[in-house]
Protein backbone atom coordinates (compact mmCIF):
# COMPACT_ATOMS: atom_id res chain seq x y z
CA MET A 1 -65.11 -30.50 21.81
CA LEU A 2 -68.12 -28.36 21.49
CA SER A 3 -67.64 -27.09 24.96
CA LYS A 4 -64.03 -26.21 24.12
CA HIS A 5 -65.22 -24.25 21.11
CA ARG A 6 -67.84 -22.41 23.13
CA LYS A 7 -65.32 -21.71 25.77
CA LYS A 8 -63.08 -20.05 23.19
CA GLU A 9 -66.03 -18.01 21.86
CA SER A 10 -66.95 -16.83 25.30
CA GLU A 11 -63.33 -15.91 25.95
CA THR A 12 -63.10 -14.07 22.65
CA SER A 13 -66.41 -12.36 23.17
CA VAL A 14 -65.28 -11.15 26.54
CA GLU A 15 -62.06 -9.74 25.16
CA PRO A 16 -63.69 -7.31 22.70
CA THR A 17 -65.88 -5.88 25.42
CA GLU A 18 -62.87 -5.43 27.64
CA THR A 19 -60.99 -3.71 24.83
CA ALA A 20 -64.01 -1.63 23.97
CA ALA A 21 -64.32 -0.61 27.61
CA ALA A 22 -60.60 0.20 27.77
CA ALA A 23 -60.66 2.22 24.54
CA PRO A 24 -62.86 5.05 25.84
CA GLU A 25 -60.62 5.34 28.87
CA GLN A 26 -57.57 5.82 26.59
CA ASP A 27 -59.39 8.34 24.34
CA ALA A 28 -60.61 10.40 27.25
CA PRO A 29 -57.21 11.95 28.11
CA ALA A 30 -56.44 12.43 24.41
CA ALA A 31 -59.67 14.30 23.76
CA VAL A 32 -58.90 18.05 23.78
CA ASP A 33 -61.30 20.90 23.90
CA PRO A 34 -61.54 22.36 20.35
CA LEU A 35 -61.73 25.89 21.77
CA ALA A 36 -58.46 25.49 23.69
CA GLU A 37 -56.87 23.98 20.59
CA ALA A 38 -57.97 26.94 18.46
CA GLN A 39 -56.74 29.40 21.09
CA ALA A 40 -53.33 27.71 21.20
CA GLU A 41 -53.06 27.85 17.41
CA ALA A 42 -54.14 31.51 17.42
CA ALA A 43 -51.47 32.34 20.03
CA LYS A 44 -48.86 30.52 17.95
CA ASN A 45 -49.89 32.39 14.80
CA TRP A 46 -49.87 35.74 16.65
CA ASP A 47 -46.35 35.05 17.88
CA LEU A 48 -45.23 34.20 14.33
CA TYR A 49 -46.90 37.38 13.06
CA LEU A 50 -45.11 39.54 15.64
CA ARG A 51 -41.77 37.94 14.83
CA GLU A 52 -42.22 38.51 11.11
CA ARG A 53 -43.23 42.15 11.70
CA ALA A 54 -40.13 42.70 13.83
CA GLU A 55 -37.95 41.06 11.17
CA LEU A 56 -39.49 43.24 8.47
CA GLU A 57 -38.94 46.39 10.54
CA ASN A 58 -35.31 45.42 11.19
CA PHE A 59 -34.83 44.80 7.47
CA ARG A 60 -36.25 48.24 6.64
CA LYS A 61 -33.96 49.95 9.17
CA ARG A 62 -30.91 48.01 7.97
CA THR A 63 -31.69 48.85 4.34
CA GLN A 64 -32.15 52.54 5.16
CA ARG A 65 -28.88 52.63 7.11
CA ASP A 66 -27.01 50.87 4.28
CA LYS A 67 -28.48 53.26 1.74
CA GLU A 68 -27.43 56.28 3.81
CA GLU A 69 -23.90 54.94 4.27
CA PHE A 70 -23.66 54.24 0.55
CA ARG A 71 -24.79 57.77 -0.26
CA ILE A 72 -22.30 59.33 2.12
CA PHE A 73 -19.27 57.24 1.27
CA THR A 74 -19.70 57.17 -2.50
CA ARG A 75 -18.43 60.71 -2.34
CA LYS A 76 -15.15 59.39 -0.99
CA GLU A 77 -13.77 58.61 -4.46
CA LEU A 78 -14.54 62.10 -5.75
CA LEU A 79 -13.06 63.76 -2.69
CA LEU A 80 -9.88 61.72 -2.92
CA GLU A 81 -9.43 62.99 -6.49
CA VAL A 82 -10.21 66.64 -5.64
CA LEU A 83 -8.10 66.99 -2.49
CA PRO A 84 -4.70 66.89 -4.23
CA VAL A 85 -5.84 69.74 -6.50
CA LEU A 86 -6.83 71.76 -3.44
CA ASP A 87 -3.50 70.94 -1.78
CA ASN A 88 -1.57 72.17 -4.82
CA LEU A 89 -3.54 75.41 -5.00
CA GLU A 90 -2.89 76.03 -1.28
CA ARG A 91 0.83 75.36 -1.77
CA ALA A 92 0.89 77.81 -4.68
CA LEU A 93 -0.70 80.47 -2.48
CA ASN A 94 1.80 79.84 0.31
CA HIS A 95 4.73 80.36 -2.08
CA THR A 96 3.51 83.48 -3.84
CA GLY A 97 5.45 86.63 -3.33
CA GLN A 98 3.89 89.68 -1.82
CA SER A 99 5.02 91.86 -4.69
CA GLY A 100 2.51 93.82 -6.70
CA GLU A 101 3.08 91.72 -9.82
CA GLY A 102 0.47 89.07 -10.40
CA GLN A 103 -1.65 90.19 -7.49
CA GLY A 104 -4.77 89.64 -9.60
CA LEU A 105 -3.68 86.07 -10.25
CA VAL A 106 -3.10 85.49 -6.54
CA GLU A 107 -6.56 86.84 -5.73
CA GLY A 108 -8.09 84.55 -8.37
CA VAL A 109 -6.31 81.50 -6.98
CA THR A 110 -7.38 82.52 -3.45
CA MET A 111 -11.00 82.64 -4.58
CA THR A 112 -10.64 79.26 -6.28
CA VAL A 113 -9.19 77.74 -3.09
CA THR A 114 -12.09 79.18 -1.09
CA GLN A 115 -14.58 77.63 -3.50
CA PHE A 116 -12.79 74.29 -3.40
CA ARG A 117 -12.83 74.29 0.40
CA LYS A 118 -16.56 75.04 0.42
CA VAL A 119 -17.29 72.21 -2.04
CA VAL A 120 -15.20 69.76 -0.01
CA GLU A 121 -17.01 70.78 3.19
CA ASP A 122 -20.40 70.54 1.46
CA PHE A 123 -19.57 66.93 0.59
CA GLY A 124 -19.04 66.25 4.30
CA ALA A 125 -15.24 66.30 4.47
CA ARG A 126 -13.48 68.51 6.96
CA PRO A 127 -9.77 69.09 7.54
CA MET A 128 -8.13 67.87 10.73
CA VAL A 129 -5.98 70.10 12.89
CA ALA A 130 -2.74 68.20 13.31
CA VAL A 131 -0.03 70.69 14.33
CA GLY A 132 0.30 70.80 18.12
CA ALA A 133 -1.87 67.70 18.63
CA PRO A 134 -0.50 64.44 20.03
CA PHE A 135 0.47 61.96 17.33
CA ASP A 136 -2.33 59.48 16.65
CA PRO A 137 -1.47 56.66 14.23
CA ASN A 138 -5.18 56.33 13.41
CA LEU A 139 -5.26 59.89 12.06
CA HIS A 140 -1.66 60.75 11.20
CA GLN A 141 1.07 59.23 9.08
CA ALA A 142 4.52 60.06 10.40
CA MET A 143 6.88 61.18 7.66
CA GLY A 144 9.76 61.93 10.00
CA HIS A 145 10.96 62.94 13.45
CA LEU A 146 12.35 66.25 14.57
CA GLU A 147 14.46 66.65 17.68
CA THR A 148 13.11 69.63 19.57
CA ALA A 149 12.80 70.82 23.12
CA GLU A 150 10.00 73.25 22.21
CA GLN A 151 7.35 70.51 21.88
CA PRO A 152 6.83 67.46 24.08
CA PRO A 153 7.86 64.16 22.48
CA GLY A 154 5.08 62.56 20.44
CA THR A 155 3.54 65.89 19.41
CA VAL A 156 2.97 66.82 15.77
CA VAL A 157 5.42 69.61 14.90
CA SER A 158 4.62 70.25 11.25
CA GLU A 159 2.34 69.00 8.53
CA TYR A 160 3.29 68.10 4.94
CA GLN A 161 -0.28 67.40 3.85
CA LYS A 162 -3.63 68.02 5.57
CA GLY A 163 -5.67 65.10 6.74
CA TYR A 164 -9.43 64.97 6.23
CA LEU A 165 -12.36 63.29 7.95
CA LEU A 166 -15.51 62.29 6.08
CA HIS A 167 -18.42 62.24 8.54
CA ASP A 168 -16.09 61.42 11.45
CA ARG A 169 -14.33 58.65 9.52
CA LEU A 170 -10.80 59.03 8.22
CA LEU A 171 -10.76 60.03 4.57
CA ARG A 172 -7.06 60.77 4.28
CA PRO A 173 -4.41 60.73 7.03
CA ALA A 174 -2.34 63.84 7.68
CA LEU A 175 1.32 63.52 6.66
CA VAL A 176 3.19 64.90 9.67
CA VAL A 177 6.54 65.34 11.38
CA VAL A 178 6.59 64.22 15.02
CA ALA A 179 8.67 65.73 17.81
CA LYS A 180 11.13 63.64 19.70
CA ALA A 181 13.31 64.44 22.68
CA PRO A 182 16.66 65.97 21.76
CA ALA A 183 19.62 63.71 22.08
CA GLY A 184 21.60 65.22 24.91
CA PRO A 185 25.29 64.71 25.47
CA VAL A 186 26.02 61.31 26.89
CA THR A 187 27.56 61.69 30.31
CA GLU A 188 29.07 58.83 32.13
CA GLU A 189 29.67 58.88 35.80
CA ILE A 190 32.89 57.33 36.76
CA ASN A 191 33.03 55.95 40.26
CA GLN A 192 36.45 56.40 41.72
């Protein structure tokens, strides 16, 4: 029995030495150079830093662009209120008589229209030239059609109200009349 017990002790004593010998072999591949580990972490942190800098720069550019667009297009509301007044003054000038009566009034209204136009242009709005241009549904609103042979079909013939662009974006569409081909007499050929 004693020999059995010693046998077990010798077996158990051999096992720890085998495990102890095997343990350094397992740790050897897991052991990493601290310098390489620090360099890898530094490279990772540098990459994170560069990404955050790029994100911050993109945020600054986006904010600046949004601020500029807000500044430009906040004027839209004011311009949409002022343009009908300008339209009415221009209509009044177009319907004034050339008689000598009220010529001072006509000159005053002309000066007012000129000032209004300058203010509207200073705010970044500019009128579109519609008459003679091809009809574009993005810029024009068709109010009617006119049969004419003088203009090609699809061309703007007349304008009820000027259209305006605000920094190359549509502020107000032009109200226009579009040419269409005249309806000719219907002729039927009879085969006899």
